[in-house]
Amino acid sequence: MMKWLTALFFSIIVHILIFFSYVFFTTESVENKSRKITNVSFLDEELQNKEEVRKNSKSKEKKQKKIDTKKAEEIKPKEIDNFEEYLKEEEIQKRISDNADVVEQISYKVIKDIESLWIRPNSAKIGMFADFNLRINRLGIIENIEMKQTSGDNAFDRAALNAIRKYKQIKYVRNLDDQTFQVYFSNFTLRFRPE
């Protein structure tokens, strides 16, 4: 009986430590944010900005990790008020991370499908891009298209907009669960940067 209670006690302690490590080191929430589809990667603007910062200052990141590690050591774990709620949140996070590969595949297919409908204008140059905010319904039908950032070339922007309008529906999202759809596809930014 004593061994069983000891094992239960250590199990609870380990789960509490995992929970607080997760809360401390996780910066992304499950809120409905505007997302960005790039050629292959599905990144929101904050992650993209962080990638640019990381590329420019790797040494600063190493220093920050040391500081964060020291802070983590200084913070004492708190008791979990609602263990069931914690487990539900953990399950949601696992489901979202499991769906990340599916989201990447859908993002890649959407980009390729739109590129196949695009008629390249004579003024298009390598590296040009335009950002469009898309709002789609649960069936994948594009309900609203709004230009967020122009490429600087009206012909390129019109051709990209026409390709998206021709596309009309993102059929790949129909089989996604509602939460994944809401988080990644109900309202997102499409970066049109053809190769």
N, C-alpha and C. Protein backbone atom coordinates (compact mmCIF):
# COMPACT_ATOMS: atom_id res chain seq x y z
N MET A 1 0.83 -1.20 0.00
CA MET A 1 0.00 0.00 0.00
C MET A 1 0.87 1.26 0.00
N MET A 2 1.96 1.23 0.79
CA MET A 2 2.85 2.38 0.88
C MET A 2 3.55 2.65 -0.45
N LYS A 3 3.95 1.60 -1.15
CA LYS A 3 4.60 1.77 -2.45
C LYS A 3 3.65 2.42 -3.44
N TRP A 4 2.40 2.01 -3.38
CA TRP A 4 1.41 2.57 -4.29
C TRP A 4 1.21 4.06 -4.04
N LEU A 5 1.11 4.46 -2.76
CA LEU A 5 0.93 5.86 -2.42
C LEU A 5 2.16 6.68 -2.80
N THR A 6 3.35 6.12 -2.61
CA THR A 6 4.58 6.82 -2.99
C THR A 6 4.62 7.04 -4.50
N ALA A 7 4.26 6.01 -5.26
CA ALA A 7 4.24 6.14 -6.72
C ALA A 7 3.23 7.17 -7.16
N LEU A 8 2.05 7.19 -6.54
CA LEU A 8 1.01 8.18 -6.87
C LEU A 8 1.51 9.58 -6.55
N PHE A 9 2.15 9.75 -5.39
CA PHE A 9 2.67 11.05 -5.00
C PHE A 9 3.70 11.56 -6.02
N PHE A 10 4.67 10.71 -6.40
CA PHE A 10 5.67 11.13 -7.37
C PHE A 10 5.07 11.39 -8.74
N SER A 11 4.07 10.65 -9.11
CA SER A 11 3.39 10.88 -10.39
C SER A 11 2.73 12.25 -10.41
N ILE A 12 2.08 12.62 -9.32
CA ILE A 12 1.43 13.93 -9.24
C ILE A 12 2.48 15.03 -9.30
N ILE A 13 3.57 14.89 -8.61
CA ILE A 13 4.65 15.88 -8.61
C ILE A 13 5.20 16.06 -10.03
N VAL A 14 5.44 14.94 -10.72
CA VAL A 14 5.99 15.00 -12.09
C VAL A 14 5.01 15.71 -13.01
N HIS A 15 3.72 15.40 -12.89
CA HIS A 15 2.73 16.06 -13.74
C HIS A 15 2.64 17.55 -13.45
N ILE A 16 2.76 17.92 -12.20
CA ILE A 16 2.74 19.34 -11.85
C ILE A 16 3.95 20.05 -12.47
N LEU A 17 5.11 19.44 -12.38
CA LEU A 17 6.31 20.04 -12.97
C LEU A 17 6.18 20.14 -14.49
N ILE A 18 5.64 19.12 -15.12
CA ILE A 18 5.43 19.17 -16.58
C ILE A 18 4.48 20.30 -16.93
N PHE A 19 3.41 20.42 -16.18
CA PHE A 19 2.43 21.48 -16.44
C PHE A 19 3.07 22.86 -16.36
N PHE A 20 3.81 23.12 -15.28
CA PHE A 20 4.40 24.45 -15.14
C PHE A 20 5.53 24.70 -16.11
N SER A 21 6.25 23.68 -16.48
CA SER A 21 7.26 23.85 -17.53
C SER A 21 6.58 24.21 -18.83
N TYR A 22 5.49 23.54 -19.11
CA TYR A 22 4.72 23.81 -20.34
C TYR A 22 4.19 25.24 -20.33
N VAL A 23 3.58 25.67 -19.22
CA VAL A 23 3.02 27.01 -19.12
C VAL A 23 4.12 28.05 -19.24
N PHE A 24 5.25 27.80 -18.62
CA PHE A 24 6.32 28.79 -18.62
C PHE A 24 6.97 28.93 -19.99
N PHE A 25 7.22 27.82 -20.67
CA PHE A 25 7.96 27.85 -21.92
C PHE A 25 7.07 28.00 -23.15
N THR A 26 5.79 27.90 -23.00
CA THR A 26 4.90 28.03 -24.14
C THR A 26 4.46 29.46 -24.26
N THR A 27 4.63 30.02 -25.46
CA THR A 27 4.24 31.40 -25.68
C THR A 27 3.04 31.50 -26.61
N GLU A 28 2.66 30.41 -27.24
CA GLU A 28 1.55 30.45 -28.19
C GLU A 28 0.28 29.99 -27.52
N SER A 29 -0.80 30.68 -27.76
CA SER A 29 -2.08 30.28 -27.20
C SER A 29 -2.95 29.67 -28.28
N VAL A 30 -4.12 29.16 -27.88
CA VAL A 30 -5.01 28.46 -28.81
C VAL A 30 -6.07 29.42 -29.34
N GLU A 31 -5.83 30.72 -29.21
CA GLU A 31 -6.80 31.69 -29.68
C GLU A 31 -6.88 31.68 -31.19
N ASN A 32 -7.97 32.23 -31.70
CA ASN A 32 -8.15 32.34 -33.14
C ASN A 32 -7.35 33.54 -33.62
N LYS A 33 -6.20 33.29 -34.23
CA LYS A 33 -5.31 34.35 -34.70
C LYS A 33 -5.29 34.34 -36.22
N SER A 34 -4.91 35.48 -36.77
CA SER A 34 -4.69 35.54 -38.20
C SER A 34 -3.42 34.76 -38.50
N ARG A 35 -3.45 33.87 -39.47
CA ARG A 35 -2.32 33.01 -39.80
C ARG A 35 -1.79 33.37 -41.17
N LYS A 36 -0.57 32.94 -41.44
CA LYS A 36 0.06 33.22 -42.72
C LYS A 36 0.48 31.91 -43.35
N ILE A 37 0.10 31.75 -44.62
CA ILE A 37 0.56 30.59 -45.37
C ILE A 37 1.68 31.08 -46.27
N THR A 38 2.86 30.50 -46.11
CA THR A 38 3.96 30.80 -47.01
C THR A 38 4.08 29.64 -47.97
N ASN A 39 5.09 29.61 -48.81
CA ASN A 39 5.17 28.55 -49.81
C ASN A 39 4.95 27.17 -49.22
N VAL A 40 5.63 26.80 -48.16
CA VAL A 40 5.43 25.49 -47.56
C VAL A 40 5.08 25.62 -46.10
N SER A 41 5.66 26.57 -45.43
CA SER A 41 5.46 26.70 -43.99
C SER A 41 4.18 27.44 -43.69
N PHE A 42 3.52 27.06 -42.62
CA PHE A 42 2.32 27.72 -42.15
C PHE A 42 2.68 28.44 -40.88
N LEU A 43 2.91 29.74 -40.98
CA LEU A 43 3.42 30.50 -39.84
C LEU A 43 2.54 31.70 -39.58
N ASP A 44 2.32 32.04 -38.30
CA ASP A 44 1.66 33.29 -38.06
C ASP A 44 2.72 34.39 -38.03
N GLU A 45 2.30 35.63 -38.07
CA GLU A 45 3.23 36.74 -38.21
C GLU A 45 4.22 36.81 -37.05
N GLU A 46 3.77 36.50 -35.84
CA GLU A 46 4.68 36.55 -34.70
C GLU A 46 5.81 35.55 -34.86
N LEU A 47 5.51 34.33 -35.29
CA LEU A 47 6.55 33.33 -35.47
C LEU A 47 7.51 33.74 -36.57
N GLN A 48 6.97 34.33 -37.64
CA GLN A 48 7.83 34.76 -38.73
C GLN A 48 8.78 35.85 -38.25
N ASN A 49 8.27 36.79 -37.45
CA ASN A 49 9.14 37.84 -36.92
C ASN A 49 10.20 37.26 -36.00
N LYS A 50 9.83 36.27 -35.19
CA LYS A 50 10.79 35.63 -34.31
C LYS A 50 11.88 34.92 -35.11
N GLU A 51 11.51 34.32 -36.24
CA GLU A 51 12.51 33.65 -37.08
C GLU A 51 13.52 34.67 -37.61
N GLU A 52 13.04 35.83 -38.03
CA GLU A 52 13.95 36.86 -38.53
C GLU A 52 14.88 37.34 -37.43
N VAL A 53 14.35 37.52 -36.23
CA VAL A 53 15.18 37.95 -35.10
C VAL A 53 16.23 36.89 -34.78
N ARG A 54 15.81 35.61 -34.79
CA ARG A 54 16.75 34.52 -34.50
C ARG A 54 17.89 34.47 -35.51
N LYS A 55 17.59 34.68 -36.77
CA LYS A 55 18.63 34.63 -37.80
C LYS A 55 19.65 35.76 -37.60
N ASN A 56 19.18 36.91 -37.13
CA ASN A 56 20.05 38.07 -36.98
C ASN A 56 20.88 38.04 -35.70
N SER A 57 20.39 37.34 -34.66
CA SER A 57 21.10 37.40 -33.38
C SER A 57 21.05 36.08 -32.63
N LYS A 58 21.83 35.12 -33.08
CA LYS A 58 21.86 33.81 -32.42
C LYS A 58 22.52 33.92 -31.04
N SER A 59 23.49 34.76 -30.90
CA SER A 59 24.16 34.89 -29.60
C SER A 59 23.21 35.45 -28.55
N LYS A 60 22.36 36.39 -28.94
CA LYS A 60 21.39 36.95 -27.99
C LYS A 60 20.41 35.87 -27.55
N GLU A 61 20.05 35.00 -28.45
CA GLU A 61 19.12 33.91 -28.11
C GLU A 61 19.74 32.98 -27.07
N LYS A 62 21.03 32.66 -27.23
CA LYS A 62 21.70 31.78 -26.27
C LYS A 62 21.72 32.43 -24.89
N LYS A 63 22.01 33.72 -24.84
CA LYS A 63 22.02 34.43 -23.57
C LYS A 63 20.63 34.44 -22.94
N GLN A 64 19.61 34.66 -23.78
CA GLN A 64 18.24 34.69 -23.28
C GLN A 64 17.83 33.33 -22.73
N LYS A 65 18.28 32.24 -23.38
CA LYS A 65 17.96 30.90 -22.89
C LYS A 65 18.57 30.67 -21.51
N LYS A 66 19.80 31.16 -21.31
CA LYS A 66 20.43 31.02 -20.00
C LYS A 66 19.64 31.79 -18.95
N ILE A 67 19.19 32.99 -19.30
CA ILE A 67 18.40 33.80 -18.36
C ILE A 67 17.08 33.10 -18.07
N ASP A 68 16.41 32.59 -19.11
CA ASP A 68 15.14 31.88 -18.94
C ASP A 68 15.31 30.64 -18.07
N THR A 69 16.42 29.93 -18.24
CA THR A 69 16.68 28.74 -17.45
C THR A 69 16.84 29.11 -15.98
N LYS A 70 17.57 30.19 -15.72
CA LYS A 70 17.74 30.64 -14.34
C LYS A 70 16.40 31.05 -13.73
N LYS A 71 15.56 31.75 -14.52
CA LYS A 71 14.24 32.15 -14.04
C LYS A 71 13.39 30.92 -13.73
N ALA A 72 13.47 29.93 -14.57
CA ALA A 72 12.69 28.71 -14.37
C ALA A 72 13.11 28.00 -13.09
N GLU A 73 14.40 28.04 -12.79
CA GLU A 73 14.90 27.42 -11.57
C GLU A 73 14.45 28.19 -10.34
N GLU A 74 14.31 29.52 -10.48
CA GLU A 74 13.91 30.34 -9.36
C GLU A 74 12.41 30.23 -9.05
N ILE A 75 11.62 29.99 -10.06
CA ILE A 75 10.17 29.92 -9.88
C ILE A 75 9.80 28.58 -9.26
N LYS A 76 9.06 28.64 -8.19
CA LYS A 76 8.61 27.41 -7.55
C LYS A 76 7.27 27.01 -8.15
N PRO A 77 7.05 25.72 -8.38
CA PRO A 77 5.78 25.30 -8.96
C PRO A 77 4.61 25.57 -8.03
N LYS A 78 3.49 25.97 -8.62
CA LYS A 78 2.27 26.22 -7.87
C LYS A 78 1.40 24.97 -7.94
N GLU A 79 0.45 24.90 -7.04
CA GLU A 79 -0.46 23.77 -7.06
C GLU A 79 -1.48 23.95 -8.19
N ILE A 80 -1.90 22.84 -8.77
CA ILE A 80 -2.90 22.87 -9.83
C ILE A 80 -4.27 22.94 -9.18
N ASP A 81 -5.02 23.97 -9.54
CA ASP A 81 -6.35 24.15 -8.96
C ASP A 81 -7.35 23.14 -9.52
N ASN A 82 -7.33 22.97 -10.84
CA ASN A 82 -8.30 22.09 -11.48
C ASN A 82 -7.54 21.12 -12.38
N PHE A 83 -7.28 19.94 -11.87
CA PHE A 83 -6.48 18.96 -12.59
C PHE A 83 -7.18 18.49 -13.87
N GLU A 84 -8.50 18.37 -13.83
CA GLU A 84 -9.26 17.93 -15.01
C GLU A 84 -9.13 18.97 -16.14
N GLU A 85 -9.20 20.24 -15.78
CA GLU A 85 -9.05 21.30 -16.78
C GLU A 85 -7.65 21.28 -17.39
N TYR A 86 -6.66 21.03 -16.54
CA TYR A 86 -5.28 20.91 -17.02
C TYR A 86 -5.16 19.77 -18.02
N LEU A 87 -5.75 18.63 -17.72
CA LEU A 87 -5.69 17.48 -18.63
C LEU A 87 -6.40 17.77 -19.95
N LYS A 88 -7.52 18.48 -19.89
CA LYS A 88 -8.24 18.84 -21.12
C LYS A 88 -7.37 19.76 -21.98
N GLU A 89 -6.74 20.73 -21.35
CA GLU A 89 -5.87 21.66 -22.08
C GLU A 89 -4.69 20.92 -22.70
N GLU A 90 -4.13 19.98 -21.95
CA GLU A 90 -3.02 19.19 -22.46
C GLU A 90 -3.45 18.37 -23.68
N GLU A 91 -4.65 17.82 -23.63
CA GLU A 91 -5.19 17.03 -24.75
C GLU A 91 -5.40 17.92 -25.98
N ILE A 92 -5.90 19.13 -25.77
CA ILE A 92 -6.12 20.07 -26.88
C ILE A 92 -4.78 20.42 -27.53
N GLN A 93 -3.76 20.70 -26.71
CA GLN A 93 -2.45 21.05 -27.25
C GLN A 93 -1.85 19.90 -28.05
N LYS A 94 -2.03 18.68 -27.56
CA LYS A 94 -1.52 17.51 -28.27
C LYS A 94 -2.22 17.35 -29.61
N ARG A 95 -3.54 17.55 -29.62
CA ARG A 95 -4.30 17.43 -30.86
C ARG A 95 -3.85 18.49 -31.88
N ILE A 96 -3.60 19.70 -31.41
CA ILE A 96 -3.15 20.77 -32.31
C ILE A 96 -1.77 20.45 -32.87
N SER A 97 -0.88 19.94 -32.04
CA SER A 97 0.46 19.60 -32.55
C SER A 97 0.38 18.41 -33.51
N ASP A 98 -0.53 17.47 -33.24
CA ASP A 98 -0.71 16.35 -34.17
C ASP A 98 -1.23 16.83 -35.52
N ASN A 99 -2.03 17.90 -35.50
CA ASN A 99 -2.61 18.41 -36.74
C ASN A 99 -1.64 19.31 -37.51
N ALA A 100 -0.50 19.65 -36.92
CA ALA A 100 0.44 20.56 -37.58
C ALA A 100 0.89 20.02 -38.94
N ASP A 101 1.14 18.71 -39.03
CA ASP A 101 1.54 18.13 -40.31
C ASP A 101 0.43 18.24 -41.33
N VAL A 102 -0.79 18.00 -40.89
CA VAL A 102 -1.95 18.11 -41.79
C VAL A 102 -2.09 19.54 -42.29
N VAL A 103 -1.90 20.50 -41.40
CA VAL A 103 -2.00 21.92 -41.77
C VAL A 103 -0.93 22.27 -42.79
N GLU A 104 0.29 21.77 -42.59
CA GLU A 104 1.37 22.02 -43.55
C GLU A 104 1.02 21.45 -44.93
N GLN A 105 0.49 20.25 -44.96
CA GLN A 105 0.13 19.62 -46.23
C GLN A 105 -0.96 20.42 -46.94
N ILE A 106 -1.98 20.82 -46.19
CA ILE A 106 -3.06 21.61 -46.79
C ILE A 106 -2.52 22.94 -47.31
N SER A 107 -1.67 23.58 -46.52
CA SER A 107 -1.09 24.87 -46.93
C SER A 107 -0.33 24.73 -48.24
N TYR A 108 0.47 23.69 -48.35
CA TYR A 108 1.25 23.46 -49.56
C TYR A 108 0.32 23.24 -50.76
N LYS A 109 -0.73 22.44 -50.57
CA LYS A 109 -1.68 22.16 -51.67
C LYS A 109 -2.41 23.43 -52.11
N VAL A 110 -2.81 24.25 -51.14
CA VAL A 110 -3.52 25.50 -51.47
C VAL A 110 -2.62 26.41 -52.31
N ILE A 111 -1.37 26.57 -51.89
CA ILE A 111 -0.42 27.40 -52.64
C ILE A 111 -0.27 26.88 -54.07
N LYS A 112 -0.06 25.58 -54.21
CA LYS A 112 0.15 25.00 -55.54
C LYS A 112 -1.11 25.13 -56.40
N ASP A 113 -2.28 24.93 -55.81
CA ASP A 113 -3.53 25.06 -56.56
C ASP A 113 -3.73 26.48 -57.08
N ILE A 114 -3.47 27.46 -56.23
CA ILE A 114 -3.63 28.86 -56.65
C ILE A 114 -2.58 29.23 -57.70
N GLU A 115 -1.36 28.76 -57.53
CA GLU A 115 -0.32 29.02 -58.53
C GLU A 115 -0.71 28.45 -59.89
N SER A 116 -1.39 27.31 -59.91
CA SER A 116 -1.78 26.71 -61.19
C SER A 116 -2.84 27.54 -61.90
N LEU A 117 -3.60 28.35 -61.16
CA LEU A 117 -4.64 29.20 -61.76
C LEU A 117 -4.10 30.59 -62.12
N TRP A 118 -2.91 30.90 -61.66
CA TRP A 118 -2.32 32.23 -61.82
C TRP A 118 -1.80 32.41 -63.23
N ILE A 119 -2.11 33.54 -63.81
CA ILE A 119 -1.57 33.91 -65.13
C ILE A 119 -0.49 34.95 -64.86
N ARG A 120 0.74 34.56 -65.13
CA ARG A 120 1.90 35.40 -64.82
C ARG A 120 1.91 36.66 -65.69
N PRO A 121 1.88 37.84 -65.06
CA PRO A 121 1.99 39.08 -65.84
C PRO A 121 3.44 39.31 -66.29
N ASN A 122 3.61 40.06 -67.33
CA ASN A 122 4.96 40.35 -67.85
C ASN A 122 5.82 41.09 -66.83
N SER A 123 5.20 41.85 -65.95
CA SER A 123 5.95 42.67 -64.99
C SER A 123 6.38 41.88 -63.75
N ALA A 124 5.96 40.63 -63.63
CA ALA A 124 6.29 39.83 -62.43
C ALA A 124 7.78 39.54 -62.38
N LYS A 125 8.35 39.70 -61.19
CA LYS A 125 9.77 39.44 -60.98
C LYS A 125 9.92 38.41 -59.87
N ILE A 126 11.05 37.73 -59.87
CA ILE A 126 11.33 36.75 -58.82
C ILE A 126 11.40 37.46 -57.48
N GLY A 127 10.77 36.87 -56.48
CA GLY A 127 10.78 37.44 -55.14
C GLY A 127 9.59 38.34 -54.83
N MET A 128 8.78 38.67 -55.83
CA MET A 128 7.60 39.50 -55.58
C MET A 128 6.58 38.69 -54.80
N PHE A 129 5.85 39.37 -53.93
CA PHE A 129 4.77 38.71 -53.21
C PHE A 129 3.72 39.73 -52.82
N ALA A 130 2.53 39.20 -52.55
CA ALA A 130 1.43 40.01 -52.04
C ALA A 130 0.73 39.19 -50.97
N ASP A 131 0.27 39.86 -49.92
CA ASP A 131 -0.44 39.18 -48.84
C ASP A 131 -1.93 39.47 -48.94
N PHE A 132 -2.72 38.41 -48.80
CA PHE A 132 -4.18 38.52 -48.84
C PHE A 132 -4.75 37.89 -47.59
N ASN A 133 -5.71 38.57 -46.98
CA ASN A 133 -6.43 37.99 -45.85
C ASN A 133 -7.66 37.28 -46.39
N LEU A 134 -7.80 35.99 -46.06
CA LEU A 134 -8.93 35.20 -46.54
C LEU A 134 -9.78 34.78 -45.35
N ARG A 135 -11.08 34.91 -45.52
CA ARG A 135 -12.02 34.38 -44.53
C ARG A 135 -12.84 33.32 -45.25
N ILE A 136 -12.82 32.10 -44.71
CA ILE A 136 -13.54 31.01 -45.36
C ILE A 136 -14.53 30.39 -44.39
N ASN A 137 -15.59 29.78 -44.94
CA ASN A 137 -16.56 29.13 -44.08
C ASN A 137 -16.18 27.68 -43.86
N ARG A 138 -16.98 26.96 -43.12
CA ARG A 138 -16.64 25.59 -42.72
C ARG A 138 -16.55 24.64 -43.91
N LEU A 139 -17.22 24.96 -45.00
CA LEU A 139 -17.15 24.13 -46.21
C LEU A 139 -15.94 24.46 -47.06
N GLY A 140 -15.19 25.49 -46.67
CA GLY A 140 -13.98 25.87 -47.40
C GLY A 140 -14.21 26.93 -48.45
N ILE A 141 -15.43 27.42 -48.55
CA ILE A 141 -15.74 28.45 -49.54
C ILE A 141 -15.15 29.79 -49.08
N ILE A 142 -14.42 30.43 -49.98
CA ILE A 142 -13.79 31.72 -49.65
C ILE A 142 -14.88 32.79 -49.67
N GLU A 143 -15.16 33.36 -48.50
CA GLU A 143 -16.23 34.35 -48.37
C GLU A 143 -15.73 35.78 -48.55
N ASN A 144 -14.48 36.03 -48.18
CA ASN A 144 -13.96 37.39 -48.27
C ASN A 144 -12.46 37.35 -48.56
N ILE A 145 -12.02 38.21 -49.48
CA ILE A 145 -10.61 38.36 -49.82
C ILE A 145 -10.26 39.82 -49.63
N GLU A 146 -9.24 40.09 -48.87
CA GLU A 146 -8.82 41.46 -48.62
C GLU A 146 -7.30 41.53 -48.77
N MET A 147 -6.81 42.50 -49.52
CA MET A 147 -5.37 42.64 -49.70
C MET A 147 -4.78 43.30 -48.46
N LYS A 148 -3.79 42.64 -47.86
CA LYS A 148 -3.11 43.19 -46.68
C LYS A 148 -1.85 43.94 -47.07
N GLN A 149 -1.12 43.38 -48.04
CA GLN A 149 0.13 44.02 -48.46
C GLN A 149 0.28 43.85 -49.97
N THR A 150 0.50 44.95 -50.63
CA THR A 150 0.66 44.92 -52.08
C THR A 150 2.09 44.56 -52.44
N SER A 151 2.25 44.05 -53.63
CA SER A 151 3.59 43.73 -54.13
C SER A 151 4.27 44.98 -54.68
N GLY A 152 3.49 46.02 -54.92
CA GLY A 152 4.01 47.24 -55.53
C GLY A 152 3.77 47.25 -57.04
N ASP A 153 3.23 46.16 -57.56
CA ASP A 153 2.95 46.05 -58.99
C ASP A 153 1.47 45.71 -59.15
N ASN A 154 0.72 46.64 -59.75
CA ASN A 154 -0.73 46.44 -59.89
C ASN A 154 -1.07 45.20 -60.71
N ALA A 155 -0.33 44.93 -61.76
CA ALA A 155 -0.62 43.77 -62.61
C ALA A 155 -0.41 42.47 -61.81
N PHE A 156 0.64 42.40 -61.05
CA PHE A 156 0.92 41.23 -60.21
C PHE A 156 -0.21 41.04 -59.19
N ASP A 157 -0.58 42.13 -58.51
CA ASP A 157 -1.64 42.05 -57.50
C ASP A 157 -2.96 41.60 -58.10
N ARG A 158 -3.32 42.16 -59.26
CA ARG A 158 -4.58 41.76 -59.93
C ARG A 158 -4.55 40.30 -60.32
N ALA A 159 -3.42 39.84 -60.88
CA ALA A 159 -3.31 38.44 -61.30
C ALA A 159 -3.43 37.50 -60.10
N ALA A 160 -2.81 37.87 -58.99
CA ALA A 160 -2.90 37.05 -57.77
C ALA A 160 -4.33 37.03 -57.24
N LEU A 161 -4.97 38.19 -57.20
CA LEU A 161 -6.35 38.28 -56.74
C LEU A 161 -7.29 37.46 -57.63
N ASN A 162 -7.09 37.54 -58.93
CA ASN A 162 -7.92 36.77 -59.86
C ASN A 162 -7.73 35.27 -59.66
N ALA A 163 -6.51 34.84 -59.41
CA ALA A 163 -6.25 33.41 -59.18
C ALA A 163 -6.96 32.93 -57.92
N ILE A 164 -6.93 33.74 -56.87
CA ILE A 164 -7.61 33.37 -55.62
C ILE A 164 -9.11 33.33 -55.84
N ARG A 165 -9.64 34.31 -56.57
CA ARG A 165 -11.09 34.32 -56.85
C ARG A 165 -11.50 33.10 -57.67
N LYS A 166 -10.67 32.70 -58.63
CA LYS A 166 -10.97 31.51 -59.43
C LYS A 166 -10.95 30.25 -58.56
N TYR A 167 -10.10 30.25 -57.58
CA TYR A 167 -9.96 29.08 -56.71
C TYR A 167 -11.26 28.82 -55.93
N LYS A 168 -11.90 29.85 -55.44
CA LYS A 168 -13.21 29.86 -54.80
C LYS A 168 -13.33 29.03 -53.53
N GLN A 169 -12.80 27.81 -53.51
CA GLN A 169 -13.04 26.93 -52.38
C GLN A 169 -11.79 26.11 -52.03
N ILE A 170 -11.50 26.05 -50.74
CA ILE A 170 -10.40 25.22 -50.24
C ILE A 170 -11.03 23.93 -49.75
N LYS A 171 -11.11 22.97 -50.64
CA LYS A 171 -11.84 21.73 -50.35
C LYS A 171 -11.16 20.87 -49.29
N TYR A 172 -9.88 21.10 -49.04
CA TYR A 172 -9.13 20.27 -48.10
C TYR A 172 -9.54 20.46 -46.64
N VAL A 173 -10.21 21.56 -46.32
CA VAL A 173 -10.53 21.84 -44.92
C VAL A 173 -11.81 21.15 -44.45
N ARG A 174 -12.56 20.59 -45.34
CA ARG A 174 -13.84 19.96 -44.96
C ARG A 174 -13.65 18.83 -43.95
N ASN A 175 -12.55 18.09 -44.06
CA ASN A 175 -12.35 16.93 -43.20
C ASN A 175 -11.63 17.26 -41.89
N LEU A 176 -11.28 18.52 -41.68
CA LEU A 176 -10.62 18.90 -40.44
C LEU A 176 -11.63 18.99 -39.30
N ASP A 177 -11.17 18.78 -38.07
CA ASP A 177 -12.07 18.98 -36.94
C ASP A 177 -12.29 20.48 -36.77
N ASP A 178 -13.37 20.83 -36.09
CA ASP A 178 -13.77 22.24 -35.98
C ASP A 178 -12.71 23.12 -35.33
N GLN A 179 -12.05 22.61 -34.31
CA GLN A 179 -11.07 23.44 -33.61
C GLN A 179 -9.87 23.75 -34.51
N THR A 180 -9.37 22.75 -35.21
CA THR A 180 -8.24 22.98 -36.12
C THR A 180 -8.64 23.96 -37.21
N PHE A 181 -9.84 23.80 -37.74
CA PHE A 181 -10.33 24.73 -38.75
C PHE A 181 -10.37 26.15 -38.21
N GLN A 182 -10.96 26.33 -37.02
CA GLN A 182 -11.07 27.67 -36.44
C GLN A 182 -9.71 28.30 -36.18
N VAL A 183 -8.78 27.51 -35.67
CA VAL A 183 -7.47 28.06 -35.32
C VAL A 183 -6.66 28.43 -36.56
N TYR A 184 -6.66 27.56 -37.57
CA TYR A 184 -5.75 27.76 -38.70
C TYR A 184 -6.39 28.29 -39.98
N PHE A 185 -7.65 28.02 -40.23
CA PHE A 185 -8.18 28.31 -41.56
C PHE A 185 -9.39 29.21 -41.63
N SER A 186 -10.07 29.51 -40.55
CA SER A 186 -11.28 30.33 -40.67
C SER A 186 -10.94 31.75 -41.11
N ASN A 187 -9.80 32.24 -40.68
CA ASN A 187 -9.35 33.59 -41.05
C ASN A 187 -7.82 33.54 -41.06
N PHE A 188 -7.22 33.65 -42.25
CA PHE A 188 -5.77 33.55 -42.32
C PHE A 188 -5.22 34.42 -43.42
N THR A 189 -3.92 34.63 -43.38
CA THR A 189 -3.23 35.43 -44.39
C THR A 189 -2.51 34.51 -45.34
N LEU A 190 -2.76 34.70 -46.61
CA LEU A 190 -2.11 33.92 -47.66
C LEU A 190 -1.04 34.80 -48.29
N ARG A 191 0.19 34.35 -48.23
CA ARG A 191 1.28 35.06 -48.90
C ARG A 191 1.44 34.44 -50.26
N PHE A 192 1.11 35.21 -51.29
CA PHE A 192 1.22 34.69 -52.67
C PHE A 192 2.59 35.08 -53.19
N ARG A 193 3.48 34.09 -53.24
CA ARG A 193 4.84 34.29 -53.72
C ARG A 193 5.17 33.14 -54.66
N PRO A 194 4.77 33.24 -55.91
CA PRO A 194 5.02 32.13 -56.83
C PRO A 194 6.50 31.97 -57.15
N GLU A 195 6.89 30.74 -57.42
CA GLU A 195 8.28 30.45 -57.75
C GLU A 195 8.53 30.67 -59.23
